[in-house]
């Protein structure tokens, strides 16, 4: 199981990415646990043991690039 977080404040965009991952899962031997966060604070209070993080650059409560730096400080192996 691959643990994925999507940090995106536009629901249509996060839904599209999530559906693409789910479709890929159906055509491969890969399973995903996908959590969607619509802001940085929600992500920071709930992230743990992630394998992949998809980040929007411009979020309502901050910048995805700044969040990427923060993630990298705490986890050098997660794919961003």
PDB file of N, CA and C in Angstrom:
ATOM      1  N   UNK A   1       0.850  -1.176   0.000  1.00  0.00           N
ATOM      2  CA  UNK A   1       0.000   0.000   0.000  1.00  0.00           C
ATOM      3  C   UNK A   1       0.896   1.239   0.000  1.00  0.00           C
ATOM      4  N   UNK A   2       0.613   2.148  -0.911  1.00  0.00           N
ATOM      5  CA  UNK A   2       1.343   3.410  -0.992  1.00  0.00           C
ATOM      6  C   UNK A   2       0.476   4.490  -0.363  1.00  0.00           C
ATOM      7  N   UNK A   3       1.028   5.171   0.635  1.00  0.00           N
ATOM      8  CA  UNK A   3       0.301   6.237   1.331  1.00  0.00           C
ATOM      9  C   UNK A   3       0.538   7.568   0.625  1.00  0.00           C
ATOM     10  N   UNK A   4      -0.558   8.167   0.161  1.00  0.00           N
ATOM     11  CA  UNK A   4      -0.488   9.383  -0.643  1.00  0.00           C
ATOM     12  C   UNK A   4      -1.285  10.490   0.035  1.00  0.00           C
ATOM     13  N   UNK A   5      -0.719  11.707   0.009  1.00  0.00           N
ATOM     14  CA  UNK A   5      -1.444  12.897   0.446  1.00  0.00           C
ATOM     15  C   UNK A   5      -1.537  13.851  -0.740  1.00  0.00           C
ATOM     16  N   UNK A   6      -2.713  14.424  -0.914  1.00  0.00           N
ATOM     17  CA  UNK A   6      -2.924  15.458  -1.917  1.00  0.00           C
ATOM     18  C   UNK A   6      -3.269  16.724  -1.149  1.00  0.00           C
ATOM     19  N   UNK A   7      -2.460  17.772  -1.329  1.00  0.00           N
ATOM     20  CA  UNK A   7      -2.719  19.053  -0.670  1.00  0.00           C
ATOM     21  C   UNK A   7      -3.108  20.025  -1.772  1.00  0.00           C
ATOM     22  N   UNK A   8      -4.403  20.274  -1.888  1.00  0.00           N
ATOM     23  CA  UNK A   8      -4.963  21.067  -2.987  1.00  0.00           C
ATOM     24  C   UNK A   8      -6.219  21.757  -2.491  1.00  0.00           C
ATOM     25  N   UNK A   9      -6.322  23.060  -2.690  1.00  0.00           N
ATOM     26  CA  UNK A   9      -7.477  23.799  -2.189  1.00  0.00           C
ATOM     27  C   UNK A   9      -8.617  23.928  -3.201  1.00  0.00           C
ATOM     28  N   UNK A  10      -8.424  23.440  -4.406  1.00  0.00           N
ATOM     29  CA  UNK A  10      -9.496  23.455  -5.413  1.00  0.00           C
ATOM     30  C   UNK A  10     -10.009  22.022  -5.556  1.00  0.00           C
ATOM     31  N   UNK A  11     -11.249  21.814  -5.123  1.00  0.00           N
ATOM     32  CA  UNK A  11     -11.817  20.463  -5.058  1.00  0.00           C
ATOM     33  C   UNK A  11     -11.796  19.741  -6.407  1.00  0.00           C
ATOM     34  N   UNK A  12     -12.116  20.425  -7.469  1.00  0.00           N
ATOM     35  CA  UNK A  12     -12.117  19.802  -8.798  1.00  0.00           C
ATOM     36  C   UNK A  12     -10.733  19.237  -9.118  1.00  0.00           C
ATOM     37  N   UNK A  13      -9.700  19.968  -8.766  1.00  0.00           N
ATOM     38  CA  UNK A  13      -8.331  19.518  -9.043  1.00  0.00           C
ATOM     39  C   UNK A  13      -7.950  18.318  -8.175  1.00  0.00           C
ATOM     40  N   UNK A  14      -8.268  18.373  -6.895  1.00  0.00           N
ATOM     41  CA  UNK A  14      -7.925  17.234  -6.028  1.00  0.00           C
ATOM     42  C   UNK A  14      -8.732  16.000  -6.409  1.00  0.00           C
ATOM     43  N   UNK A  15      -9.988  16.187  -6.771  1.00  0.00           N
ATOM     44  CA  UNK A  15     -10.812  15.055  -7.213  1.00  0.00           C
ATOM     45  C   UNK A  15     -10.245  14.421  -8.480  1.00  0.00           C
ATOM     46  N   UNK A  16      -9.778  15.256  -9.407  1.00  0.00           N
ATOM     47  CA  UNK A  16      -9.208  14.744 -10.654  1.00  0.00           C
ATOM     48  C   UNK A  16      -7.947  13.936 -10.378  1.00  0.00           C
ATOM     49  N   UNK A  17      -7.061  14.456  -9.567  1.00  0.00           N
ATOM     50  CA  UNK A  17      -5.829  13.734  -9.250  1.00  0.00           C
ATOM     51  C   UNK A  17      -6.139  12.430  -8.526  1.00  0.00           C
ATOM     52  N   UNK A  18      -7.057  12.493  -7.588  1.00  0.00           N
ATOM     53  CA  UNK A  18      -7.438  11.277  -6.854  1.00  0.00           C
ATOM     54  C   UNK A  18      -8.010  10.228  -7.805  1.00  0.00           C
ATOM     55  N   UNK A  19      -8.877  10.641  -8.725  1.00  0.00           N
ATOM     56  CA  UNK A  19      -9.467   9.675  -9.664  1.00  0.00           C
ATOM     57  C   UNK A  19      -8.414   9.093 -10.603  1.00  0.00           C
ATOM     58  N   UNK A  20      -7.410   9.883 -10.962  1.00  0.00           N
ATOM     59  CA  UNK A  20      -6.328   9.369 -11.807  1.00  0.00           C
ATOM     60  C   UNK A  20      -5.528   8.301 -11.066  1.00  0.00           C
ATOM     61  N   UNK A  21      -5.259   8.533  -9.803  1.00  0.00           N
ATOM     62  CA  UNK A  21      -4.545   7.533  -9.003  1.00  0.00           C
ATOM     63  C   UNK A  21      -5.382   6.265  -8.834  1.00  0.00           C
ATOM     64  N   UNK A  22      -6.674   6.438  -8.610  1.00  0.00           N
ATOM     65  CA  UNK A  22      -7.558   5.275  -8.474  1.00  0.00           C
ATOM     66  C   UNK A  22      -7.638   4.489  -9.777  1.00  0.00           C
ATOM     67  N   UNK A  23      -7.663   5.177 -10.899  1.00  0.00           N
ATOM     68  CA  UNK A  23      -7.689   4.508 -12.195  1.00  0.00           C
ATOM     69  C   UNK A  23      -6.378   3.754 -12.426  1.00  0.00           C
ATOM     70  N   UNK A  24      -5.259   4.371 -12.090  1.00  0.00           N
ATOM     71  CA  UNK A  24      -3.969   3.698 -12.218  1.00  0.00           C
ATOM     72  C   UNK A  24      -3.936   2.446 -11.350  1.00  0.00           C
ATOM     73  N   UNK A  25      -4.496   2.539 -10.169  1.00  0.00           N
ATOM     74  CA  UNK A  25      -4.532   1.409  -9.250  1.00  0.00           C
ATOM     75  C   UNK A  25      -5.268   0.218  -9.866  1.00  0.00           C
ATOM     76  N   UNK A  26      -6.318   0.501 -10.621  1.00  0.00           N
ATOM     77  CA  UNK A  26      -7.113  -0.561 -11.254  1.00  0.00           C
ATOM     78  C   UNK A  26      -6.345  -1.271 -12.368  1.00  0.00           C
ATOM     79  N   UNK A  27      -5.430  -0.560 -13.018  1.00  0.00           N
ATOM     80  CA  UNK A  27      -4.722  -1.128 -14.164  1.00  0.00           C
ATOM     81  C   UNK A  27      -3.330  -1.630 -13.814  1.00  0.00           C
ATOM     82  N   UNK A  28      -2.978  -1.564 -12.551  1.00  0.00           N
ATOM     83  CA  UNK A  28      -1.659  -2.026 -12.117  1.00  0.00           C
ATOM     84  C   UNK A  28      -1.817  -2.816 -10.817  1.00  0.00           C
ATOM     85  N   UNK A  29      -0.759  -3.356 -10.362  1.00  0.00           N
ATOM     86  CA  UNK A  29      -0.783  -4.066  -9.078  1.00  0.00           C
ATOM     87  C   UNK A  29      -0.389  -3.131  -7.946  1.00  0.00           C
ATOM     88  N   UNK A  30      -0.876  -1.910  -7.994  1.00  0.00           N
ATOM     89  CA  UNK A  30      -0.518  -0.895  -7.014  1.00  0.00           C
ATOM     90  C   UNK A  30      -1.770  -0.449  -6.277  1.00  0.00           C
ATOM     91  N   UNK A  31      -1.698  -0.436  -4.961  1.00  0.00           N
ATOM     92  CA  UNK A  31      -2.842   0.075  -4.198  1.00  0.00           C
ATOM     93  C   UNK A  31      -2.400   1.324  -3.444  1.00  0.00           C
ATOM     94  N   UNK A  32      -3.334   2.250  -3.330  1.00  0.00           N
ATOM     95  CA  UNK A  32      -3.074   3.532  -2.696  1.00  0.00           C
ATOM     96  C   UNK A  32      -4.023   3.767  -1.537  1.00  0.00           C
ATOM     97  N   UNK A  33      -3.507   4.389  -0.511  1.00  0.00           N
ATOM     98  CA  UNK A  33      -4.326   4.986   0.528  1.00  0.00           C
ATOM     99  C   UNK A  33      -4.181   6.491   0.302  1.00  0.00           C
ATOM    100  N   UNK A  34      -5.271   7.149  -0.097  1.00  0.00           N
ATOM    101  CA  UNK A  34      -5.209   8.549  -0.514  1.00  0.00           C
ATOM    102  C   UNK A  34      -5.981   9.424   0.468  1.00  0.00           C
ATOM    103  N   UNK A  35      -5.298  10.436   0.986  1.00  0.00           N
ATOM    104  CA  UNK A  35      -5.947  11.438   1.834  1.00  0.00           C
ATOM    105  C   UNK A  35      -5.803  12.790   1.167  1.00  0.00           C
ATOM    106  N   UNK A  36      -6.893  13.542   1.154  1.00  0.00           N
ATOM    107  CA  UNK A  36      -6.914  14.860   0.528  1.00  0.00           C
ATOM    108  C   UNK A  36      -7.047  15.915   1.617  1.00  0.00           C
ATOM    109  N   UNK A  37      -6.214  16.953   1.513  1.00  0.00           N
ATOM    110  CA  UNK A  37      -6.238  18.075   2.453  1.00  0.00           C
ATOM    111  C   UNK A  37      -6.421  19.354   1.657  1.00  0.00           C
ATOM    112  N   UNK A  38      -7.332  20.202   2.109  1.00  0.00           N
ATOM    113  CA  UNK A  38      -7.581  21.431   1.355  1.00  0.00           C
ATOM    114  C   UNK A  38      -6.807  22.628   1.884  1.00  0.00           C
ATOM    115  N   UNK A  39      -5.999  22.420   2.913  1.00  0.00           N
ATOM    116  CA  UNK A  39      -5.123  23.491   3.377  1.00  0.00           C
ATOM    117  C   UNK A  39      -3.915  22.921   4.112  1.00  0.00           C
ATOM    118  N   UNK A  40      -2.933  23.768   4.302  1.00  0.00           N
ATOM    119  CA  UNK A  40      -1.673  23.344   4.910  1.00  0.00           C
ATOM    120  C   UNK A  40      -1.864  22.921   6.359  1.00  0.00           C
ATOM    121  N   UNK A  41      -2.645  23.679   7.109  1.00  0.00           N
ATOM    122  CA  UNK A  41      -2.806  23.350   8.531  1.00  0.00           C
ATOM    123  C   UNK A  41      -3.447  21.983   8.730  1.00  0.00           C
ATOM    124  N   UNK A  42      -4.417  21.633   7.903  1.00  0.00           N
ATOM    125  CA  UNK A  42      -5.038  20.300   8.001  1.00  0.00           C
ATOM    126  C   UNK A  42      -4.012  19.218   7.680  1.00  0.00           C
ATOM    127  N   UNK A  43      -3.196  19.453   6.670  1.00  0.00           N
ATOM    128  CA  UNK A  43      -2.163  18.487   6.314  1.00  0.00           C
ATOM    129  C   UNK A  43      -1.164  18.309   7.453  1.00  0.00           C
ATOM    130  N   UNK A  44      -0.687  19.409   8.001  1.00  0.00           N
ATOM    131  CA  UNK A  44       0.330  19.335   9.056  1.00  0.00           C
ATOM    132  C   UNK A  44      -0.180  18.640  10.311  1.00  0.00           C
ATOM    133  N   UNK A  45      -1.467  18.747  10.585  1.00  0.00           N
ATOM    134  CA  UNK A  45      -1.996  18.109  11.789  1.00  0.00           C
ATOM    135  C   UNK A  45      -2.333  16.630  11.589  1.00  0.00           C
ATOM    136  N   UNK A  46      -2.278  16.144  10.335  1.00  0.00           N
ATOM    137  CA  UNK A  46      -2.699  14.769  10.075  1.00  0.00           C
ATOM    138  C   UNK A  46      -1.720  13.920   9.288  1.00  0.00           C
ATOM    139  N   UNK A  47      -0.591  14.462   8.856  1.00  0.00           N
ATOM    140  CA  UNK A  47       0.281  13.644   8.000  1.00  0.00           C
ATOM    141  C   UNK A  47       1.135  12.701   8.833  1.00  0.00           C
ATOM    142  N   UNK A  48       1.313  11.496   8.325  1.00  0.00           N
ATOM    143  CA  UNK A  48       2.196  10.526   8.973  1.00  0.00           C
ATOM    144  C   UNK A  48       2.460   9.368   8.027  1.00  0.00           C
ATOM    145  N   UNK A  49       3.691   8.908   8.015  1.00  0.00           N
ATOM    146  CA  UNK A  49       4.093   7.752   7.215  1.00  0.00           C
ATOM    147  C   UNK A  49       3.666   7.847   5.754  1.00  0.00           C
ATOM    148  N   UNK A  50       3.973   8.968   5.128  1.00  0.00           N
ATOM    149  CA  UNK A  50       3.592   9.160   3.734  1.00  0.00           C
ATOM    150  C   UNK A  50       4.692   8.699   2.796  1.00  0.00           C
ATOM    151  N   UNK A  51       4.270   8.207   1.643  1.00  0.00           N
ATOM    152  CA  UNK A  51       5.206   7.821   0.597  1.00  0.00           C
ATOM    153  C   UNK A  51       5.298   8.883  -0.492  1.00  0.00           C
ATOM    154  N   UNK A  52       4.149   9.504  -0.790  1.00  0.00           N
ATOM    155  CA  UNK A  52       4.078  10.510  -1.850  1.00  0.00           C
ATOM    156  C   UNK A  52       3.184  11.661  -1.373  1.00  0.00           C
ATOM    157  N   UNK A  53       3.619  12.889  -1.664  1.00  0.00           N
ATOM    158  CA  UNK A  53       2.797  14.073  -1.378  1.00  0.00           C
ATOM    159  C   UNK A  53       2.690  14.895  -2.660  1.00  0.00           C
ATOM    160  N   UNK A  54       1.461  15.156  -3.086  1.00  0.00           N
ATOM    161  CA  UNK A  54       1.202  16.047  -4.207  1.00  0.00           C
ATOM    162  C   UNK A  54       0.821  17.396  -3.616  1.00  0.00           C
ATOM    163  N   UNK A  55       1.539  18.453  -4.011  1.00  0.00           N
ATOM    164  CA  UNK A  55       1.316  19.774  -3.446  1.00  0.00           C
ATOM    165  C   UNK A  55       0.900  20.779  -4.511  1.00  0.00           C
ATOM    166  N   UNK A  56      -0.119  21.539  -4.195  1.00  0.00           N
ATOM    167  CA  UNK A  56      -0.448  22.724  -4.973  1.00  0.00           C
ATOM    168  C   UNK A  56       0.572  23.793  -4.579  1.00  0.00           C
ATOM    169  N   UNK A  57       0.925  24.677  -5.488  1.00  0.00           N
ATOM    170  CA  UNK A  57       1.891  25.724  -5.170  1.00  0.00           C
ATOM    171  C   UNK A  57       1.227  26.848  -4.384  1.00  0.00           C
ATOM    172  N   UNK A  58       0.088  27.324  -4.859  1.00  0.00           N
ATOM    173  CA  UNK A  58      -0.612  28.421  -4.189  1.00  0.00           C
ATOM    174  C   UNK A  58      -1.821  27.876  -3.446  1.00  0.00           C
ATOM    175  N   UNK A  59      -1.735  27.938  -2.131  1.00  0.00           N
ATOM    176  CA  UNK A  59      -2.822  27.462  -1.280  1.00  0.00           C
ATOM    177  C   UNK A  59      -3.384  28.636  -0.501  1.00  0.00           C
ATOM    178  N   UNK A  60      -4.598  28.520  -0.046  1.00  0.00           N
ATOM    179  CA  UNK A  60      -5.255  29.604   0.675  1.00  0.00           C
ATOM    180  C   UNK A  60      -4.528  30.033   1.933  1.00  0.00           C
ATOM    181  N   UNK A  61      -3.863  29.101   2.600  1.00  0.00           N
ATOM    182  CA  UNK A  61      -3.202  29.442   3.862  1.00  0.00           C
ATOM    183  C   UNK A  61      -1.681  29.348   3.784  1.00  0.00           C
ATOM    184  N   UNK A  62      -1.122  29.411   2.571  1.00  0.00           N
ATOM    185  CA  UNK A  62       0.327  29.389   2.454  1.00  0.00           C
ATOM    186  C   UNK A  62       0.792  28.962   1.080  1.00  0.00           C
ATOM    187  N   UNK A  63       2.067  28.660   1.016  1.00  0.00           N
ATOM    188  CA  UNK A  63       2.724  28.337  -0.230  1.00  0.00           C
ATOM    189  C   UNK A  63       3.197  26.881  -0.204  1.00  0.00           C
ATOM    190  N   UNK A  64       2.879  26.154  -1.246  1.00  0.00           N
ATOM    191  CA  UNK A  64       3.268  24.750  -1.326  1.00  0.00           C
ATOM    192  C   UNK A  64       4.772  24.530  -1.337  1.00  0.00           C
ATOM    193  N   UNK A  65       5.513  25.466  -1.883  1.00  0.00           N
ATOM    194  CA  UNK A  65       6.975  25.338  -1.889  1.00  0.00           C
ATOM    195  C   UNK A  65       7.533  25.441  -0.469  1.00  0.00           C
ATOM    196  N   UNK A  66       6.975  26.349   0.331  1.00  0.00           N
ATOM    197  CA  UNK A  66       7.396  26.453   1.734  1.00  0.00           C
ATOM    198  C   UNK A  66       7.037  25.174   2.490  1.00  0.00           C
ATOM    199  N   UNK A  67       5.861  24.637   2.188  1.00  0.00           N
ATOM    200  CA  UNK A  67       5.449  23.390   2.826  1.00  0.00           C
ATOM    201  C   UNK A  67       6.388  22.245   2.423  1.00  0.00           C
ATOM    202  N   UNK A  68       6.799  22.218   1.169  1.00  0.00           N
ATOM    203  CA  UNK A  68       7.725  21.173   0.710  1.00  0.00           C
ATOM    204  C   UNK A  68       9.030  21.226   1.500  1.00  0.00           C
ATOM    205  N   UNK A  69       9.529  22.414   1.756  1.00  0.00           N
ATOM    206  CA  UNK A  69      10.756  22.562   2.548  1.00  0.00           C
ATOM    207  C   UNK A  69      10.556  22.021   3.959  1.00  0.00           C
ATOM    208  N   UNK A  70       9.393  22.328   4.536  1.00  0.00           N
ATOM    209  CA  UNK A  70       9.088  21.853   5.885  1.00  0.00           C
ATOM    210  C   UNK A  70       8.971  20.326   5.916  1.00  0.00           C
ATOM    211  N   UNK A  71       8.320  19.774   4.912  1.00  0.00           N
ATOM    212  CA  UNK A  71       8.191  18.315   4.823  1.00  0.00           C
ATOM    213  C   UNK A  71       9.579  17.678   4.730  1.00  0.00           C
ATOM    214  N   UNK A  72      10.418  18.237   3.876  1.00  0.00           N
ATOM    215  CA  UNK A  72      11.743  17.685   3.645  1.00  0.00           C
ATOM    216  C   UNK A  72      12.610  17.740   4.908  1.00  0.00           C
ATOM    217  N   UNK A  73      12.422  18.762   5.739  1.00  0.00           N
ATOM    218  CA  UNK A  73      13.172  18.847   6.996  1.00  0.00           C
ATOM    219  C   UNK A  73      12.875  17.649   7.898  1.00  0.00           C
ATOM    220  N   UNK A  74      11.631  17.182   7.865  1.00  0.00           N
ATOM    221  CA  UNK A  74      11.192  16.103   8.738  1.00  0.00           C
ATOM    222  C   UNK A  74      11.266  14.719   8.103  1.00  0.00           C
ATOM    223  N   UNK A  75      11.254  14.659   6.783  1.00  0.00           N
ATOM    224  CA  UNK A  75      11.237  13.363   6.087  1.00  0.00           C
ATOM    225  C   UNK A  75      12.010  13.490   4.789  1.00  0.00           C
ATOM    226  N   UNK A  76      13.167  12.881   4.755  1.00  0.00           N
ATOM    227  CA  UNK A  76      14.028  12.976   3.569  1.00  0.00           C
ATOM    228  C   UNK A  76      13.650  11.958   2.487  1.00  0.00           C
ATOM    229  N   UNK A  77      12.780  11.008   2.805  1.00  0.00           N
ATOM    230  CA  UNK A  77      12.493   9.953   1.837  1.00  0.00           C
ATOM    231  C   UNK A  77      11.155  10.113   1.117  1.00  0.00           C
ATOM    232  N   UNK A  78      10.242  10.903   1.641  1.00  0.00           N
ATOM    233  CA  UNK A  78       8.944  11.054   0.986  1.00  0.00           C
ATOM    234  C   UNK A  78       9.125  11.713  -0.378  1.00  0.00           C
ATOM    235  N   UNK A  79       8.383  11.222  -1.354  1.00  0.00           N
ATOM    236  CA  UNK A  79       8.427  11.811  -2.686  1.00  0.00           C
ATOM    237  C   UNK A  79       7.464  12.992  -2.730  1.00  0.00           C
ATOM    238  N   UNK A  80       7.968  14.130  -3.187  1.00  0.00           N
ATOM    239  CA  UNK A  80       7.127  15.333  -3.273  1.00  0.00           C
ATOM    240  C   UNK A  80       6.988  15.704  -4.741  1.00  0.00           C
TER     241      UNK A  80
END
